[in-house]
Protein backbone atom coordinates (compact mmCIF):
# COMPACT_ATOMS: atom_id res chain seq x y z
CA UNK A 1 0.00 0.00 0.00
CA UNK A 2 1.15 3.51 -0.79
CA UNK A 3 1.24 6.38 1.68
CA UNK A 4 -1.36 8.30 -0.34
CA UNK A 5 -3.58 5.53 -1.67
CA UNK A 6 -6.84 6.93 -3.11
CA UNK A 7 -6.01 10.49 -2.06
CA UNK A 8 -6.65 13.41 -4.41
CA UNK A 9 -3.61 15.69 -4.33
CA UNK A 10 -3.38 19.15 -5.90
CA UNK A 11 0.15 20.45 -6.42
CA UNK A 12 0.11 24.15 -7.25
CA UNK A 13 3.20 25.09 -9.23
CA UNK A 14 3.60 21.41 -9.97
CA UNK A 15 4.65 21.38 -13.60
CA UNK A 16 8.40 21.46 -12.95
CA UNK A 17 11.06 21.56 -10.24
CA UNK A 18 10.12 20.61 -6.70
CA UNK A 19 6.42 20.60 -7.55
CA UNK A 20 6.87 18.08 -10.35
CA UNK A 21 8.97 15.89 -8.07
CA UNK A 22 6.17 15.99 -5.48
CA UNK A 23 3.62 15.05 -8.14
CA UNK A 24 5.74 12.05 -9.18
CA UNK A 25 6.18 10.92 -5.59
CA UNK A 26 2.47 11.30 -4.85
CA UNK A 27 1.51 9.17 -7.87
CA UNK A 28 4.08 6.58 -6.83
CA UNK A 29 2.41 6.46 -3.41
CA UNK A 30 -1.04 5.84 -4.91
CA UNK A 31 -2.54 9.33 -5.24
CA UNK A 32 -4.57 10.88 -8.01
CA UNK A 33 -2.71 14.09 -8.82
CA UNK A 34 -3.54 17.46 -10.34
CA UNK A 35 -0.82 19.99 -11.13
CA UNK A 36 -1.08 23.67 -12.00
CA UNK A 37 1.24 25.95 -13.91
CA UNK A 38 1.17 28.95 -16.18
CA UNK A 39 2.78 27.22 -19.16
CA UNK A 40 0.87 24.31 -20.73
CA UNK A 41 3.88 22.59 -22.31
CA UNK A 42 5.63 21.36 -19.15
CA UNK A 43 2.34 20.71 -17.38
CA UNK A 44 0.92 18.59 -20.15
CA UNK A 45 4.25 16.78 -20.60
CA UNK A 46 4.28 15.86 -16.91
CA UNK A 47 0.72 14.57 -17.06
CA UNK A 48 1.64 12.42 -20.06
CA UNK A 49 4.64 11.07 -18.15
CA UNK A 50 2.58 10.24 -15.07
CA UNK A 51 -0.20 8.68 -17.11
CA UNK A 52 2.25 6.57 -19.10
CA UNK A 53 3.61 5.27 -15.80
CA UNK A 54 0.13 4.10 -14.82
CA UNK A 55 -0.89 7.08 -12.74
CA UNK A 56 -3.94 9.32 -12.92
CA UNK A 57 -3.16 12.99 -13.42
CA UNK A 58 -4.66 16.29 -14.53
CA UNK A 59 -3.09 19.56 -15.65
CA UNK A 60 -4.84 22.84 -14.82
CA UNK A 61 -3.51 26.02 -16.38
CA UNK A 62 -3.47 28.77 -13.75
CA UNK A 63 -1.70 31.97 -12.85
CA UNK A 64 -1.71 31.66 -9.09
CA UNK A 65 -1.03 35.36 -8.54
CA UNK A 66 -4.67 35.85 -9.56
CA UNK A 67 -6.84 34.98 -6.55
CA UNK A 68 -9.73 33.79 -8.70
CA UNK A 69 -7.47 31.45 -10.68
CA UNK A 70 -5.96 30.13 -7.45
CA UNK A 71 -9.43 29.33 -6.13
CA UNK A 72 -10.52 27.95 -9.49
CA UNK A 73 -7.60 25.49 -9.50
CA UNK A 74 -9.23 23.83 -6.49
CA UNK A 75 -12.70 24.04 -8.04
CA UNK A 76 -11.45 22.32 -11.21
CA UNK A 77 -10.06 19.43 -9.21
CA UNK A 78 -13.25 19.09 -7.16
CA UNK A 79 -15.26 19.16 -10.38
CA UNK A 80 -13.10 16.41 -11.91
CA UNK A 81 -12.39 14.14 -8.93
CA UNK A 82 -15.08 15.12 -6.41
CA UNK A 83 -12.79 16.46 -3.70
CA UNK A 84 -9.34 17.65 -2.67
CA UNK A 85 -7.71 15.64 0.12
CA UNK A 86 -4.26 17.22 0.01
CA UNK A 87 -2.89 20.53 -1.24
CA UNK A 88 0.72 21.47 -1.86
CA UNK A 89 1.63 25.09 -2.57
CA UNK A 90 4.98 24.84 -4.35
CA UNK A 91 4.86 27.72 -6.82
CA UNK A 92 7.53 30.30 -6.15
CA UNK A 93 9.01 33.47 -7.63
CA UNK A 94 12.67 34.17 -6.80
CA UNK A 95 13.47 37.14 -9.03
CA UNK A 96 15.94 39.45 -7.32
CA UNK A 97 15.38 42.76 -5.56
CA UNK A 98 16.90 44.60 -2.60
CA UNK A 99 15.16 46.92 -0.17
CA UNK A 100 16.50 49.88 -2.16
CA UNK A 101 15.86 48.80 -5.74
CA UNK A 102 12.64 46.76 -5.52
CA UNK A 103 9.83 48.41 -7.46
CA UNK A 104 6.19 48.27 -6.37
CA UNK A 105 5.55 46.07 -9.42
CA UNK A 106 8.20 43.52 -8.39
CA UNK A 107 6.96 43.56 -4.81
CA UNK A 108 3.39 42.88 -5.97
CA UNK A 109 4.61 40.00 -8.15
CA UNK A 110 6.25 38.35 -5.16
CA UNK A 111 3.24 38.85 -2.93
CA UNK A 112 1.00 37.48 -5.69
CA UNK A 113 2.85 34.23 -6.35
CA UNK A 114 4.44 33.57 -2.97
CA UNK A 115 1.63 34.60 -0.63
CA UNK A 116 -1.68 35.55 -2.23
CA UNK A 117 -1.85 32.44 -4.40
CA UNK A 118 -1.28 30.05 -1.48
CA UNK A 119 -3.76 32.00 0.67
CA UNK A 120 -6.66 31.67 -1.74
CA UNK A 121 -5.82 28.11 -2.80
CA UNK A 122 -5.86 27.17 0.88
CA UNK A 123 -9.11 29.04 1.35
CA UNK A 124 -10.79 27.00 -1.37
CA UNK A 125 -9.24 23.67 -0.36
CA UNK A 126 -10.08 24.05 3.32
CA UNK A 127 -13.63 25.09 2.42
CA UNK A 128 -13.99 21.83 0.47
CA UNK A 129 -12.61 19.76 3.37
CA UNK A 130 -14.75 21.50 5.99
CA UNK A 131 -17.82 21.32 3.76
CA UNK A 132 -17.40 17.55 3.49
CA UNK A 133 -16.53 17.27 7.19
CA UNK A 134 -13.46 15.36 6.07
CA UNK A 135 -9.84 15.57 7.26
CA UNK A 136 -7.19 16.93 4.94
CA UNK A 137 -3.57 17.96 4.76
CA UNK A 138 -1.72 20.94 3.30
CA UNK A 139 2.00 21.50 2.87
CA UNK A 140 3.40 24.90 1.94
CA UNK A 141 6.84 24.97 0.33
CA UNK A 142 8.53 27.99 1.90
CA UNK A 143 12.26 28.79 2.19
CA UNK A 144 15.01 28.94 4.78
CA UNK A 145 15.58 32.49 3.52
CA UNK A 146 12.36 33.49 5.28
CA UNK A 147 14.43 33.70 8.46
CA UNK A 148 16.33 36.65 6.95
CA UNK A 149 17.87 35.77 3.63
CA UNK A 150 20.27 37.60 1.36
CA UNK A 151 19.93 41.33 0.73
CA UNK A 152 18.96 40.68 -2.91
CA UNK A 153 15.91 38.64 -1.85
CA UNK A 154 14.02 41.38 0.01
CA UNK A 155 10.55 41.01 -1.59
CA UNK A 156 10.88 37.22 -1.73
CA UNK A 157 11.70 37.07 1.98
CA UNK A 158 8.85 39.42 2.85
CA UNK A 159 6.30 37.26 1.03
CA UNK A 160 7.61 33.90 2.24
CA UNK A 161 7.82 35.11 5.84
CA UNK A 162 4.15 35.97 5.46
CA UNK A 163 3.50 32.41 4.30
CA UNK A 164 5.06 31.08 7.50
CA UNK A 165 2.63 33.14 9.54
CA UNK A 166 -0.28 32.06 7.36
CA UNK A 167 0.67 28.39 7.73
CA UNK A 168 0.59 28.57 11.52
CA UNK A 169 -2.53 30.74 11.65
CA UNK A 170 -4.53 28.45 9.38
CA UNK A 171 -3.29 25.32 11.16
CA UNK A 172 -4.50 26.72 14.49
CA UNK A 173 -7.81 27.87 13.04
CA UNK A 174 -8.68 24.49 11.54
CA UNK A 175 -7.15 22.00 13.96
CA UNK A 176 -10.61 20.96 15.21
CA UNK A 177 -11.62 20.35 11.59
CA UNK A 178 -8.75 17.80 11.43
CA UNK A 179 -7.13 19.79 8.63
CA UNK A 180 -3.38 19.60 9.21
CA UNK A 181 -1.28 22.38 7.70
CA UNK A 182 2.52 22.40 7.76
CA UNK A 183 5.35 24.18 5.98
CA UNK A 184 8.79 23.23 4.73
CA UNK A 185 11.62 25.76 4.70
CA UNK A 186 13.80 24.35 1.94
CA UNK A 187 17.34 25.52 1.25
CA UNK A 188 19.29 25.90 -1.98
CA UNK A 189 17.82 23.33 -4.37
CA UNK A 190 18.82 22.00 -7.79
CA UNK A 191 15.82 22.83 -10.00
CA UNK A 192 15.25 24.11 -13.51
CA UNK A 193 14.07 27.40 -12.08
CA UNK A 194 17.20 27.81 -9.98
CA UNK A 195 19.34 27.10 -13.02
CA UNK A 196 17.59 29.88 -14.93
CA UNK A 197 17.89 32.24 -11.96
CA UNK A 198 21.61 31.64 -11.50
CA UNK A 199 22.28 32.29 -15.16
CA UNK A 200 19.98 35.30 -15.47
CA UNK A 201 20.93 37.15 -12.27
CA UNK A 202 24.40 35.90 -11.37
CA UNK A 203 26.07 35.17 -14.71
CA UNK A 204 26.56 31.50 -13.80
CA UNK A 205 27.93 29.00 -16.27
CA UNK A 206 26.69 25.49 -16.95
CA UNK A 207 28.92 24.12 -14.19
CA UNK A 208 27.47 26.29 -11.40
CA UNK A 209 25.88 23.27 -9.66
CA UNK A 210 29.25 21.55 -9.28
CA UNK A 211 30.90 24.72 -8.01
CA UNK A 212 28.09 25.30 -5.53
CA UNK A 213 28.06 21.70 -4.33
CA UNK A 214 31.78 21.81 -3.54
CA UNK A 215 31.09 24.59 -1.03
CA UNK A 216 28.20 22.89 0.74
CA UNK A 217 28.48 20.60 3.80
CA UNK A 218 26.84 17.58 2.17
CA UNK A 219 28.60 18.08 -1.16
CA UNK A 220 25.38 18.67 -3.08
CA UNK A 221 22.44 21.01 -3.37
CA UNK A 222 19.04 19.99 -2.07
CA UNK A 223 17.47 17.41 -4.37
CA UNK A 224 13.82 17.73 -5.48
CA UNK A 225 13.11 14.00 -5.13
CA UNK A 226 14.36 13.99 -1.54
CA UNK A 227 12.17 16.98 -0.70
CA UNK A 228 9.25 15.27 -2.42
CA UNK A 229 9.55 12.18 -0.24
CA UNK A 230 9.38 14.34 2.88
CA UNK A 231 6.36 16.26 1.57
CA UNK A 232 4.52 13.01 0.82
CA UNK A 233 5.20 11.91 4.40
CA UNK A 234 3.73 15.18 5.75
CA UNK A 235 0.67 14.77 3.51
CA UNK A 236 0.11 11.21 4.65
CA UNK A 237 -1.39 9.75 7.81
CA UNK A 238 2.08 8.54 8.78
CA UNK A 239 2.93 12.06 9.95
CA UNK A 240 0.34 11.58 12.65
CA UNK A 241 -1.07 14.61 14.44
CA UNK A 242 1.58 17.16 13.48
CA UNK A 243 0.17 20.50 12.39
CA UNK A 244 1.35 24.10 12.44
CA UNK A 245 4.98 23.02 12.09
CA UNK A 246 7.35 24.90 9.81
CA UNK A 247 10.32 22.59 9.37
CA UNK A 248 13.78 23.75 8.31
CA UNK A 249 14.94 21.37 5.57
CA UNK A 250 18.46 22.54 4.90
CA UNK A 251 22.11 21.64 5.47
CA UNK A 252 23.05 24.99 7.01
CA UNK A 253 22.25 25.13 10.72
CA UNK A 254 20.37 28.29 11.60
CA UNK A 255 22.09 30.14 14.39
CA UNK A 256 25.28 28.10 14.04
CA UNK A 257 28.45 30.19 13.73
CA UNK A 258 32.04 29.26 12.88
């Protein structure tokens, strides 16, 4: 038996990177999966991959910075599969900006993707769970940078720190509904999006992963499939009663000094 047998799992921002890894792991553990993304090509390709492997999957095109589209992503899954048992908010925007050079437009983009989208997706998913008087689980993919982060991540940190507060607030509000809500503060991770970011903002070459890994304690960046396994555990009944936890999933120890 899989950890998520017969569960309906919605992975927002699930067409690539960590989200796609979570979708693959959820299907492997027996779930029916829906993924959202702004670009149809990777989303549809992932659904084809999962279906070819014997899974059941759906792609929903959505711009999660739009509250109505975030809510509609849940409605589409409920319309197709009858319910949402688990929600993962994994979409993220990491474009750079400091306190001094961030424009209102960039700030709004970060709030839209990194905070508003998760808020309204959670609103719709929890409403479905409460309406059915059924338990459910939510995992928000956050970031270790939410503890402070680099100067060039000012709007990103502001939005993701807000998501930490939202995670705990919603978990407390719906604990008696048996809706468990947790967050994962992931560190530097090897994804397609990070590759594009390193090249676009930091002039990195194709070997940047190897150079970065050599400077990290474990000799590698965070791996999406390893994160995905942990997320599946948090979504599943095997994680027991835990709710309102925001877990630091990184190889740098916060507060540790050399």
